[in-house]
Amino acid sequence: MFDRIREIPGTTLDRARYHAILGEETERATRPIWKLERSQYFYEPDDDPSWRAFVAGHWTQVLAVFESERLEVRAEAEKYARQGSELRRLRIVERPVTPYLLWEMHWFKILAEKVRDLEHVAPLPEIVVDEHALYHVRYDADWRACGARRIDDTKVMRQAIQEIADLWESAEPFSRYFHRAIEPLTPASQRSFLRFGSIRMTP
């Protein structure tokens, strides 16, 4: 199904409409929400303080911002739980780890998985799917989020959930992956972040 997702008919939504609809559906979710992220780089909103610190090369400030958001993130997870839902975010990680992913890894808990055998035609698509719809998330040439295609085909939704869930079950838990592959990079990461701040990263 992953190979076909880009060709399946859907409704194109701009970024604002996509986030509005997804936000409404998330408020009503009673089952897991699945998110599959494949790209090794995205361009985050400029009003994100941790992102601004990241591109400026201020790694200590990045970690301080993340720490300041801990209670808010925990409250969001508890809200999902009260609804009977949860966000299951599956993150594909290539090696060597990109500076973007080194930043992102300090923000959320993820799972890592080898996906080469699944990418027959193109890299896996960026997907969000829940009990309401499947969203094929869209990005511009610089990997800034610009909306999504909404797919309402229930058969496609069920198959996507199953395939992502299969990856989830066989993936490496984040805590183990972080300590093995990310934590050793962090002490020497300042140089990488400073270099990143002076160049444009493209996929």
Protein backbone atom coordinates (compact mmCIF):
# COMPACT_ATOMS: atom_id res chain seq x y z
CA MET A 1 0.00 0.00 0.00
CA PHE A 2 2.85 2.43 0.75
CA ASP A 3 3.91 2.32 -2.91
CA ARG A 4 0.39 3.30 -4.01
CA ILE A 5 -0.48 6.01 -1.50
CA ARG A 6 0.67 8.90 -3.71
CA GLU A 7 -1.65 7.75 -6.52
CA ILE A 8 -4.81 7.14 -4.46
CA PRO A 9 -7.44 9.86 -5.02
CA GLY A 10 -7.84 12.32 -2.15
CA THR A 11 -8.92 15.85 -1.25
CA THR A 12 -6.08 18.39 -1.27
CA LEU A 13 -6.01 20.64 1.80
CA ASP A 14 -3.75 23.60 2.46
CA ARG A 15 -1.75 23.69 5.68
CA ALA A 16 -4.28 25.71 7.70
CA ARG A 17 -7.26 23.59 6.65
CA TYR A 18 -5.36 20.34 7.20
CA HIS A 19 -4.38 21.31 10.75
CA ALA A 20 -7.89 22.56 11.54
CA ILE A 21 -9.60 19.35 10.41
CA LEU A 22 -7.00 17.08 11.98
CA GLY A 23 -7.25 19.03 15.24
CA GLU A 24 -11.02 18.59 15.34
CA GLU A 25 -10.72 14.88 14.67
CA THR A 26 -8.01 14.45 17.27
CA GLU A 27 -10.35 15.92 19.88
CA ARG A 28 -12.81 13.12 19.08
CA ALA A 29 -10.32 10.27 18.65
CA THR A 30 -11.02 7.15 20.71
CA ARG A 31 -8.46 4.89 19.06
CA PRO A 32 -4.71 5.22 18.30
CA ILE A 33 -3.56 7.92 15.89
CA TRP A 34 -0.70 6.68 13.72
CA LYS A 35 1.98 8.96 12.29
CA LEU A 36 4.69 7.75 9.91
CA GLU A 37 7.63 10.11 9.26
CA ARG A 38 10.24 9.17 6.65
CA SER A 39 12.13 12.32 5.58
CA GLN A 40 15.42 12.93 7.36
CA TYR A 41 14.87 16.69 7.35
CA PHE A 42 11.95 19.09 7.72
CA TYR A 43 11.86 22.88 7.97
CA GLU A 44 10.07 23.72 11.21
CA PRO A 45 8.00 26.88 11.85
CA ASP A 46 10.13 29.96 12.48
CA ASP A 47 8.19 30.77 15.65
CA ASP A 48 9.39 27.56 17.33
CA PRO A 49 11.99 28.69 19.93
CA SER A 50 13.83 25.37 19.97
CA TRP A 51 14.08 25.45 16.15
CA ARG A 52 15.45 29.01 16.22
CA ALA A 53 18.03 27.93 18.77
CA PHE A 54 18.90 24.91 16.66
CA VAL A 55 19.59 26.81 13.44
CA ALA A 56 21.57 29.38 15.43
CA GLY A 57 23.78 26.65 16.84
CA HIS A 58 22.72 27.12 20.48
CA TRP A 59 22.46 23.51 21.59
CA THR A 60 22.22 24.25 25.31
CA GLN A 61 19.25 26.52 24.64
CA VAL A 62 17.61 23.81 22.52
CA LEU A 63 17.68 21.41 25.46
CA ALA A 64 16.45 24.11 27.86
CA VAL A 65 13.40 24.81 25.66
CA PHE A 66 12.61 21.11 25.40
CA GLU A 67 12.83 20.75 29.17
CA SER A 68 10.50 23.73 29.68
CA GLU A 69 7.85 21.97 27.58
CA ARG A 70 7.95 18.68 29.50
CA LEU A 71 4.79 19.29 31.58
CA GLU A 72 2.82 20.43 28.53
CA VAL A 73 3.80 17.33 26.57
CA ARG A 74 2.90 15.07 29.49
CA ALA A 75 -0.50 16.77 29.81
CA GLU A 76 -1.19 16.20 26.12
CA ALA A 77 -0.37 12.49 26.45
CA GLU A 78 -2.68 12.23 29.46
CA LYS A 79 -5.46 13.90 27.48
CA TYR A 80 -5.13 11.28 24.73
CA ALA A 81 -5.27 8.56 27.37
CA ARG A 82 -8.49 9.94 28.87
CA GLN A 83 -10.08 9.78 25.43
CA GLY A 84 -8.98 6.18 25.00
CA SER A 85 -6.49 7.23 22.34
CA GLU A 86 -2.74 7.82 21.96
CA LEU A 87 -0.37 9.17 19.32
CA ARG A 88 1.86 6.41 17.95
CA ARG A 89 4.66 8.11 16.05
CA LEU A 90 6.88 5.87 13.94
CA ARG A 91 10.10 7.65 12.91
CA ILE A 92 12.35 6.25 10.19
CA VAL A 93 16.03 6.95 10.91
CA GLU A 94 18.86 6.63 8.40
CA ARG A 95 22.51 6.41 9.30
CA PRO A 96 24.49 8.55 9.69
CA VAL A 97 22.02 10.55 11.75
CA THR A 98 21.36 13.99 10.26
CA PRO A 99 21.71 17.15 12.39
CA TYR A 100 17.94 17.64 12.08
CA LEU A 101 17.24 14.22 13.53
CA LEU A 102 19.77 14.74 16.29
CA TRP A 103 17.70 17.80 17.27
CA GLU A 104 14.38 16.00 16.87
CA MET A 105 15.49 12.91 18.80
CA HIS A 106 15.79 15.02 21.92
CA TRP A 107 12.17 16.09 21.57
CA PHE A 108 10.01 13.01 21.26
CA LYS A 109 9.99 9.30 21.79
CA ILE A 110 10.14 7.33 18.58
CA LEU A 111 10.78 3.91 17.14
CA ALA A 112 13.40 3.07 14.53
CA GLU A 113 13.02 0.52 11.78
CA LYS A 114 14.76 -0.67 8.61
CA VAL A 115 12.46 -0.01 5.64
CA ARG A 116 14.62 -0.58 2.56
CA ASP A 117 12.60 -3.62 1.49
CA LEU A 118 9.40 -1.56 1.51
CA GLU A 119 10.70 1.24 -0.71
CA HIS A 120 10.31 -0.38 -4.12
CA VAL A 121 9.32 2.80 -5.98
CA ALA A 122 10.03 5.78 -3.70
CA PRO A 123 10.68 6.63 -0.03
CA LEU A 124 7.76 5.89 2.27
CA PRO A 125 5.18 8.69 2.31
CA GLU A 126 4.58 10.96 5.28
CA ILE A 127 1.26 9.78 6.73
CA VAL A 128 -1.14 10.54 9.58
CA VAL A 129 -4.07 8.11 9.88
CA ASP A 130 -6.72 7.64 12.53
CA GLU A 131 -10.32 6.40 12.73
CA HIS A 132 -11.56 9.37 10.67
CA ALA A 133 -9.26 9.63 7.64
CA LEU A 134 -5.79 9.14 6.20
CA TYR A 135 -3.72 12.25 5.53
CA HIS A 136 -0.85 12.11 3.04
CA VAL A 137 1.13 15.08 4.38
CA ARG A 138 2.59 17.44 1.77
CA TYR A 139 5.80 19.51 1.87
CA ASP A 140 7.37 22.06 -0.44
CA ALA A 141 10.84 21.80 -1.99
CA ASP A 142 12.47 22.91 1.28
CA TRP A 143 10.40 20.44 3.34
CA ARG A 144 8.15 23.08 4.89
CA ALA A 145 4.73 21.62 5.67
CA CYS A 146 2.16 22.93 3.17
CA GLY A 147 -0.92 20.77 3.75
CA ALA A 148 -2.12 17.27 3.01
CA ARG A 149 -4.30 15.08 0.82
CA ARG A 150 -7.22 13.63 2.77
CA ILE A 151 -8.13 10.06 1.81
CA ASP A 152 -11.45 8.73 3.12
CA ASP A 153 -11.27 5.23 1.62
CA THR A 154 -11.79 2.99 4.68
CA LYS A 155 -10.03 0.05 3.04
CA VAL A 156 -6.93 2.17 2.43
CA MET A 157 -7.10 3.49 5.99
CA ARG A 158 -7.30 -0.01 7.50
CA GLN A 159 -4.44 -1.29 5.36
CA ALA A 160 -2.25 1.73 6.20
CA ILE A 161 -2.89 1.30 9.92
CA GLN A 162 -2.02 -2.38 9.71
CA GLU A 163 1.21 -1.80 7.78
CA ILE A 164 2.36 0.97 10.13
CA ALA A 165 1.39 -1.16 13.13
CA ASP A 166 3.48 -4.04 11.73
CA LEU A 167 6.50 -1.72 11.52
CA TRP A 168 5.75 -0.45 15.03
CA GLU A 169 5.78 -3.96 16.48
CA SER A 170 9.12 -4.85 14.92
CA ALA A 171 10.81 -1.48 15.50
CA GLU A 172 13.45 -0.69 18.10
CA PRO A 173 12.10 1.14 21.17
CA PHE A 174 13.23 4.74 21.29
CA SER A 175 14.87 4.63 24.71
CA ARG A 176 17.19 1.84 23.62
CA TYR A 177 17.92 3.45 20.27
CA PHE A 178 18.55 6.85 21.85
CA HIS A 179 21.09 5.51 24.34
CA ARG A 180 22.81 3.41 21.68
CA ALA A 181 22.90 5.76 18.71
CA ILE A 182 22.01 9.33 19.71
CA GLU A 183 23.40 9.94 23.18
CA PRO A 184 27.03 9.28 22.10
CA LEU A 185 26.69 12.00 19.46
CA THR A 186 25.42 14.71 21.76
CA PRO A 187 28.62 15.85 23.56
CA ALA A 188 30.33 16.62 20.26
CA SER A 189 27.22 17.90 18.51
CA GLN A 190 27.87 21.63 18.94
CA ARG A 191 30.14 21.70 15.90
CA SER A 192 27.48 20.00 13.77
CA PHE A 193 24.82 22.48 14.84
CA LEU A 194 27.07 25.43 14.08
CA ARG A 195 27.76 24.05 10.61
CA PHE A 196 24.06 23.49 10.05
CA GLY A 197 23.30 27.09 10.82
CA SER A 198 25.36 28.25 7.85
CA ILE A 199 23.95 25.98 5.14
CA ARG A 200 20.62 24.90 3.67
CA MET A 201 19.90 21.21 4.03
CA THR A 202 17.93 19.61 1.20
CA PRO A 203 16.53 16.08 0.97
